[in-house]
Amino acid sequence: MTGWQWASAALILTGAAMACTAAIAIVRFPDTLTRMHAATKPQVIGLLLVLGGAAIELRGQGNVWLLALVGLFTLLTAPVIAHLIGRTAYREQRHRDGLLRVNELGDEID
């Protein structure tokens, strides 16, 4: 194996491990807001690592640009989706009491 193949394998395995831990966290965490954190942060980073490893392995081919587009699309959409899920979970009262330190969506008391 060459150095590029070792680097590719390391990136793919690290990304797969992060995606696996994110999947386990989604199952184990108790409420929507904590599950949302596990679904966005390590999942996106794991996907980007896997895409980086695949891009190293496929260097010199036209498929690398498609991998870059998938990574860019994921980076653009994951925060928006997480924001919408968080707002919906808050409005439907699907969070633990005392979890939020600052409640910017709550009613103001004057």
N, C-alpha and C. Protein backbone atom coordinates (compact mmCIF):
# COMPACT_ATOMS: atom_id res chain seq x y z
N MET A 1 0.84 -1.19 0.00
CA MET A 1 0.00 0.00 0.00
C MET A 1 0.89 1.25 0.00
N THR A 2 0.43 2.24 -0.72
CA THR A 2 1.17 3.49 -0.78
C THR A 2 0.71 4.41 0.35
N GLY A 3 1.39 5.53 0.48
CA GLY A 3 1.03 6.50 1.51
C GLY A 3 -0.35 7.08 1.30
N TRP A 4 -0.73 7.29 0.02
CA TRP A 4 -2.07 7.81 -0.27
C TRP A 4 -3.15 6.83 0.15
N GLN A 5 -2.92 5.56 -0.06
CA GLN A 5 -3.90 4.55 0.34
C GLN A 5 -4.03 4.45 1.86
N TRP A 6 -2.90 4.60 2.56
CA TRP A 6 -2.96 4.61 4.03
C TRP A 6 -3.75 5.82 4.53
N ALA A 7 -3.49 6.97 3.94
CA ALA A 7 -4.21 8.18 4.34
C ALA A 7 -5.70 8.05 4.04
N SER A 8 -6.02 7.50 2.89
CA SER A 8 -7.41 7.29 2.52
C SER A 8 -8.10 6.33 3.48
N ALA A 9 -7.44 5.24 3.79
CA ALA A 9 -8.01 4.26 4.72
C ALA A 9 -8.21 4.86 6.11
N ALA A 10 -7.25 5.65 6.56
CA ALA A 10 -7.38 6.28 7.88
C ALA A 10 -8.55 7.25 7.92
N LEU A 11 -8.72 8.05 6.88
CA LEU A 11 -9.84 8.99 6.84
C LEU A 11 -11.18 8.27 6.79
N ILE A 12 -11.26 7.24 5.97
CA ILE A 12 -12.52 6.51 5.84
C ILE A 12 -12.87 5.80 7.14
N LEU A 13 -11.92 5.17 7.79
CA LEU A 13 -12.19 4.48 9.05
C LEU A 13 -12.54 5.46 10.17
N THR A 14 -11.85 6.59 10.23
CA THR A 14 -12.17 7.59 11.25
C THR A 14 -13.57 8.16 11.02
N GLY A 15 -13.89 8.47 9.79
CA GLY A 15 -15.23 8.97 9.47
C GLY A 15 -16.32 7.96 9.77
N ALA A 16 -16.07 6.70 9.46
CA ALA A 16 -17.05 5.65 9.75
C ALA A 16 -17.23 5.48 11.25
N ALA A 17 -16.15 5.60 12.02
CA ALA A 17 -16.26 5.50 13.48
C ALA A 17 -17.06 6.66 14.04
N MET A 18 -16.85 7.86 13.51
CA MET A 18 -17.63 9.01 13.99
C MET A 18 -19.10 8.87 13.64
N ALA A 19 -19.40 8.39 12.46
CA ALA A 19 -20.80 8.18 12.07
C ALA A 19 -21.44 7.10 12.93
N CYS A 20 -20.67 6.07 13.28
CA CYS A 20 -21.19 5.01 14.15
C CYS A 20 -21.49 5.54 15.55
N THR A 21 -20.59 6.35 16.09
CA THR A 21 -20.85 6.92 17.42
C THR A 21 -22.05 7.87 17.38
N ALA A 22 -22.23 8.59 16.29
CA ALA A 22 -23.41 9.45 16.15
C ALA A 22 -24.69 8.63 16.13
N ALA A 23 -24.67 7.51 15.44
CA ALA A 23 -25.86 6.65 15.39
C ALA A 23 -26.18 6.06 16.77
N ILE A 24 -25.16 5.66 17.49
CA ILE A 24 -25.37 5.14 18.84
C ILE A 24 -25.92 6.23 19.75
N ALA A 25 -25.40 7.45 19.62
CA ALA A 25 -25.87 8.55 20.45
C ALA A 25 -27.32 8.91 20.14
N ILE A 26 -27.72 8.82 18.89
CA ILE A 26 -29.11 9.11 18.55
C ILE A 26 -30.04 8.13 19.24
N VAL A 27 -29.65 6.89 19.35
CA VAL A 27 -30.48 5.88 20.00
C VAL A 27 -30.48 6.06 21.52
N ARG A 28 -29.35 6.45 22.09
CA ARG A 28 -29.21 6.47 23.54
C ARG A 28 -29.62 7.77 24.22
N PHE A 29 -29.53 8.90 23.53
CA PHE A 29 -29.84 10.18 24.17
C PHE A 29 -31.33 10.29 24.46
N PRO A 30 -31.70 10.99 25.55
CA PRO A 30 -33.08 10.94 26.03
C PRO A 30 -34.08 11.86 25.32
N ASP A 31 -33.65 12.98 24.77
CA ASP A 31 -34.65 13.88 24.19
C ASP A 31 -34.20 14.40 22.83
N THR A 32 -35.09 15.13 22.20
CA THR A 32 -34.87 15.56 20.82
C THR A 32 -33.69 16.51 20.68
N LEU A 33 -33.54 17.44 21.61
CA LEU A 33 -32.47 18.43 21.47
C LEU A 33 -31.09 17.79 21.57
N THR A 34 -30.90 16.84 22.46
CA THR A 34 -29.60 16.18 22.54
C THR A 34 -29.39 15.22 21.37
N ARG A 35 -30.44 14.61 20.91
CA ARG A 35 -30.32 13.75 19.72
C ARG A 35 -29.98 14.58 18.49
N MET A 36 -30.52 15.79 18.43
CA MET A 36 -30.24 16.66 17.32
C MET A 36 -28.75 16.99 17.26
N HIS A 37 -28.14 17.22 18.41
CA HIS A 37 -26.71 17.50 18.45
C HIS A 37 -25.92 16.32 17.90
N ALA A 38 -26.29 15.11 18.32
CA ALA A 38 -25.59 13.91 17.84
C ALA A 38 -25.84 13.67 16.36
N ALA A 39 -26.98 14.09 15.87
CA ALA A 39 -27.29 13.85 14.46
C ALA A 39 -26.59 14.83 13.53
N THR A 40 -26.17 15.97 14.04
CA THR A 40 -25.58 16.95 13.14
C THR A 40 -24.06 17.01 13.21
N LYS A 41 -23.51 17.19 14.39
CA LYS A 41 -22.07 17.46 14.48
C LYS A 41 -21.20 16.27 14.06
N PRO A 42 -21.21 15.14 14.77
CA PRO A 42 -20.29 14.07 14.36
C PRO A 42 -20.70 13.40 13.05
N GLN A 43 -21.98 13.43 12.74
CA GLN A 43 -22.43 12.81 11.50
C GLN A 43 -21.87 13.55 10.29
N VAL A 44 -21.92 14.87 10.32
CA VAL A 44 -21.42 15.67 9.20
C VAL A 44 -19.89 15.56 9.10
N ILE A 45 -19.21 15.65 10.23
CA ILE A 45 -17.75 15.53 10.21
C ILE A 45 -17.34 14.13 9.74
N GLY A 46 -18.04 13.11 10.19
CA GLY A 46 -17.75 11.75 9.73
C GLY A 46 -17.96 11.59 8.24
N LEU A 47 -19.04 12.17 7.72
CA LEU A 47 -19.28 12.11 6.28
C LEU A 47 -18.19 12.83 5.51
N LEU A 48 -17.78 14.00 6.00
CA LEU A 48 -16.72 14.73 5.31
C LEU A 48 -15.40 13.96 5.32
N LEU A 49 -15.11 13.27 6.42
CA LEU A 49 -13.89 12.45 6.45
C LEU A 49 -13.97 11.29 5.47
N VAL A 50 -15.12 10.64 5.40
CA VAL A 50 -15.29 9.53 4.45
C VAL A 50 -15.18 10.06 3.01
N LEU A 51 -15.80 11.20 2.75
CA LEU A 51 -15.70 11.79 1.40
C LEU A 51 -14.26 12.18 1.08
N GLY A 52 -13.53 12.70 2.06
CA GLY A 52 -12.12 13.05 1.84
C GLY A 52 -11.29 11.82 1.53
N GLY A 53 -11.53 10.74 2.27
CA GLY A 53 -10.82 9.49 2.00
C GLY A 53 -11.14 8.93 0.63
N ALA A 54 -12.42 9.02 0.25
CA ALA A 54 -12.81 8.53 -1.08
C ALA A 54 -12.21 9.42 -2.17
N ALA A 55 -12.12 10.72 -1.92
CA ALA A 55 -11.54 11.63 -2.91
C ALA A 55 -10.05 11.33 -3.10
N ILE A 56 -9.36 11.01 -2.01
CA ILE A 56 -7.94 10.64 -2.14
C ILE A 56 -7.81 9.36 -2.95
N GLU A 57 -8.69 8.41 -2.71
CA GLU A 57 -8.62 7.13 -3.42
C GLU A 57 -8.98 7.30 -4.90
N LEU A 58 -9.89 8.22 -5.20
CA LEU A 58 -10.36 8.41 -6.58
C LEU A 58 -9.68 9.58 -7.28
N ARG A 59 -8.58 10.09 -6.73
CA ARG A 59 -7.94 11.27 -7.31
C ARG A 59 -7.62 11.03 -8.78
N GLY A 60 -7.78 12.08 -9.55
CA GLY A 60 -7.51 11.98 -10.97
C GLY A 60 -8.72 11.56 -11.79
N GLN A 61 -9.84 11.29 -11.16
CA GLN A 61 -11.06 10.90 -11.88
C GLN A 61 -12.09 12.01 -11.75
N GLY A 62 -13.10 11.97 -12.56
CA GLY A 62 -14.15 12.99 -12.54
C GLY A 62 -15.08 12.90 -11.35
N ASN A 63 -15.10 11.78 -10.66
CA ASN A 63 -16.01 11.59 -9.54
C ASN A 63 -15.65 12.41 -8.31
N VAL A 64 -14.45 12.93 -8.27
CA VAL A 64 -14.01 13.70 -7.10
C VAL A 64 -14.85 14.96 -6.95
N TRP A 65 -15.23 15.60 -8.05
CA TRP A 65 -16.05 16.81 -7.97
C TRP A 65 -17.44 16.50 -7.43
N LEU A 66 -17.97 15.34 -7.74
CA LEU A 66 -19.26 14.95 -7.17
C LEU A 66 -19.16 14.78 -5.66
N LEU A 67 -18.06 14.21 -5.19
CA LEU A 67 -17.86 14.08 -3.74
C LEU A 67 -17.77 15.45 -3.08
N ALA A 68 -17.10 16.38 -3.73
CA ALA A 68 -17.01 17.74 -3.20
C ALA A 68 -18.38 18.40 -3.13
N LEU A 69 -19.21 18.18 -4.14
CA LEU A 69 -20.56 18.74 -4.13
C LEU A 69 -21.41 18.13 -3.03
N VAL A 70 -21.27 16.85 -2.79
CA VAL A 70 -22.02 16.20 -1.70
C VAL A 70 -21.60 16.79 -0.36
N GLY A 71 -20.30 16.97 -0.16
CA GLY A 71 -19.81 17.57 1.08
C GLY A 71 -20.31 18.99 1.26
N LEU A 72 -20.28 19.79 0.20
CA LEU A 72 -20.75 21.17 0.27
C LEU A 72 -22.24 21.23 0.57
N PHE A 73 -23.02 20.39 -0.09
CA PHE A 73 -24.46 20.36 0.14
C PHE A 73 -24.76 19.97 1.59
N THR A 74 -24.02 19.02 2.12
CA THR A 74 -24.21 18.62 3.51
C THR A 74 -23.87 19.74 4.47
N LEU A 75 -22.78 20.45 4.21
CA LEU A 75 -22.40 21.57 5.07
C LEU A 75 -23.42 22.70 5.03
N LEU A 76 -24.08 22.89 3.90
CA LEU A 76 -25.06 23.95 3.78
C LEU A 76 -26.41 23.59 4.38
N THR A 77 -26.80 22.34 4.31
CA THR A 77 -28.14 21.95 4.75
C THR A 77 -28.22 21.45 6.18
N ALA A 78 -27.17 20.88 6.73
CA ALA A 78 -27.24 20.31 8.08
C ALA A 78 -27.57 21.35 9.15
N PRO A 79 -26.96 22.55 9.15
CA PRO A 79 -27.35 23.52 10.18
C PRO A 79 -28.80 23.99 10.05
N VAL A 80 -29.29 24.13 8.84
CA VAL A 80 -30.66 24.56 8.64
C VAL A 80 -31.63 23.51 9.16
N ILE A 81 -31.36 22.27 8.83
CA ILE A 81 -32.23 21.18 9.30
C ILE A 81 -32.20 21.08 10.82
N ALA A 82 -31.02 21.20 11.41
CA ALA A 82 -30.91 21.13 12.87
C ALA A 82 -31.67 22.28 13.52
N HIS A 83 -31.60 23.46 12.94
CA HIS A 83 -32.32 24.60 13.48
C HIS A 83 -33.83 24.36 13.43
N LEU A 84 -34.32 23.87 12.32
CA LEU A 84 -35.76 23.62 12.19
C LEU A 84 -36.23 22.51 13.13
N ILE A 85 -35.44 21.47 13.29
CA ILE A 85 -35.80 20.40 14.23
C ILE A 85 -35.81 20.93 15.65
N GLY A 86 -34.83 21.75 16.01
CA GLY A 86 -34.77 22.32 17.36
C GLY A 86 -35.96 23.21 17.66
N ARG A 87 -36.33 24.06 16.72
CA ARG A 87 -37.50 24.93 16.93
C ARG A 87 -38.78 24.12 17.05
N THR A 88 -38.92 23.10 16.21
CA THR A 88 -40.12 22.27 16.27
C THR A 88 -40.18 21.50 17.59
N ALA A 89 -39.07 20.98 18.03
CA ALA A 89 -39.04 20.25 19.30
C ALA A 89 -39.37 21.18 20.47
N TYR A 90 -38.88 22.39 20.42
CA TYR A 90 -39.17 23.35 21.48
C TYR A 90 -40.66 23.69 21.50
N ARG A 91 -41.20 23.97 20.34
CA ARG A 91 -42.62 24.35 20.28
C ARG A 91 -43.55 23.22 20.69
N GLU A 92 -43.14 22.00 20.46
CA GLU A 92 -43.97 20.85 20.85
C GLU A 92 -43.65 20.35 22.25
N GLN A 93 -42.83 21.12 22.99
CA GLN A 93 -42.48 20.79 24.38
C GLN A 93 -41.81 19.42 24.49
N ARG A 94 -40.90 19.12 23.58
CA ARG A 94 -40.20 17.84 23.58
C ARG A 94 -38.78 17.96 24.13
N HIS A 95 -38.61 18.79 25.13
CA HIS A 95 -37.29 18.94 25.75
C HIS A 95 -37.44 18.77 27.26
N ARG A 96 -36.33 18.46 27.89
CA ARG A 96 -36.34 18.30 29.35
C ARG A 96 -36.39 19.67 30.02
N ASP A 97 -37.09 19.76 31.13
CA ASP A 97 -37.14 21.01 31.88
C ASP A 97 -35.77 21.31 32.46
N GLY A 98 -35.38 22.56 32.44
CA GLY A 98 -34.10 22.97 32.98
C GLY A 98 -32.93 22.75 32.04
N LEU A 99 -33.19 22.27 30.84
CA LEU A 99 -32.12 22.01 29.89
C LEU A 99 -31.60 23.29 29.24
N LEU A 100 -32.50 24.24 29.03
CA LEU A 100 -32.13 25.48 28.35
C LEU A 100 -31.68 26.53 29.36
N ARG A 101 -30.52 27.11 29.15
CA ARG A 101 -30.05 28.19 30.02
C ARG A 101 -30.65 29.52 29.60
N VAL A 102 -30.71 29.75 28.31
CA VAL A 102 -31.30 30.97 27.78
C VAL A 102 -32.48 30.55 26.93
N ASN A 103 -33.63 31.10 27.22
CA ASN A 103 -34.84 30.74 26.49
C ASN A 103 -35.25 31.92 25.62
N GLU A 104 -34.68 32.00 24.42
CA GLU A 104 -34.98 33.11 23.53
C GLU A 104 -36.32 32.97 22.82
N LEU A 105 -36.89 31.81 22.82
CA LEU A 105 -38.16 31.60 22.14
C LEU A 105 -39.35 31.68 23.08
N GLY A 106 -39.08 31.76 24.38
CA GLY A 106 -40.16 31.78 25.37
C GLY A 106 -40.85 33.12 25.45
N ASP A 107 -41.96 33.12 26.16
CA ASP A 107 -42.71 34.36 26.36
C ASP A 107 -41.94 35.28 27.29
N GLU A 108 -41.96 36.56 26.96
CA GLU A 108 -41.29 37.54 27.80
C GLU A 108 -42.21 37.96 28.92
N ILE A 109 -41.67 38.09 30.10
CA ILE A 109 -42.45 38.53 31.25
C ILE A 109 -42.06 39.98 31.53
N ASP A 110 -43.01 40.89 31.41
CA ASP A 110 -42.73 42.31 31.64
C ASP A 110 -43.30 42.76 32.96
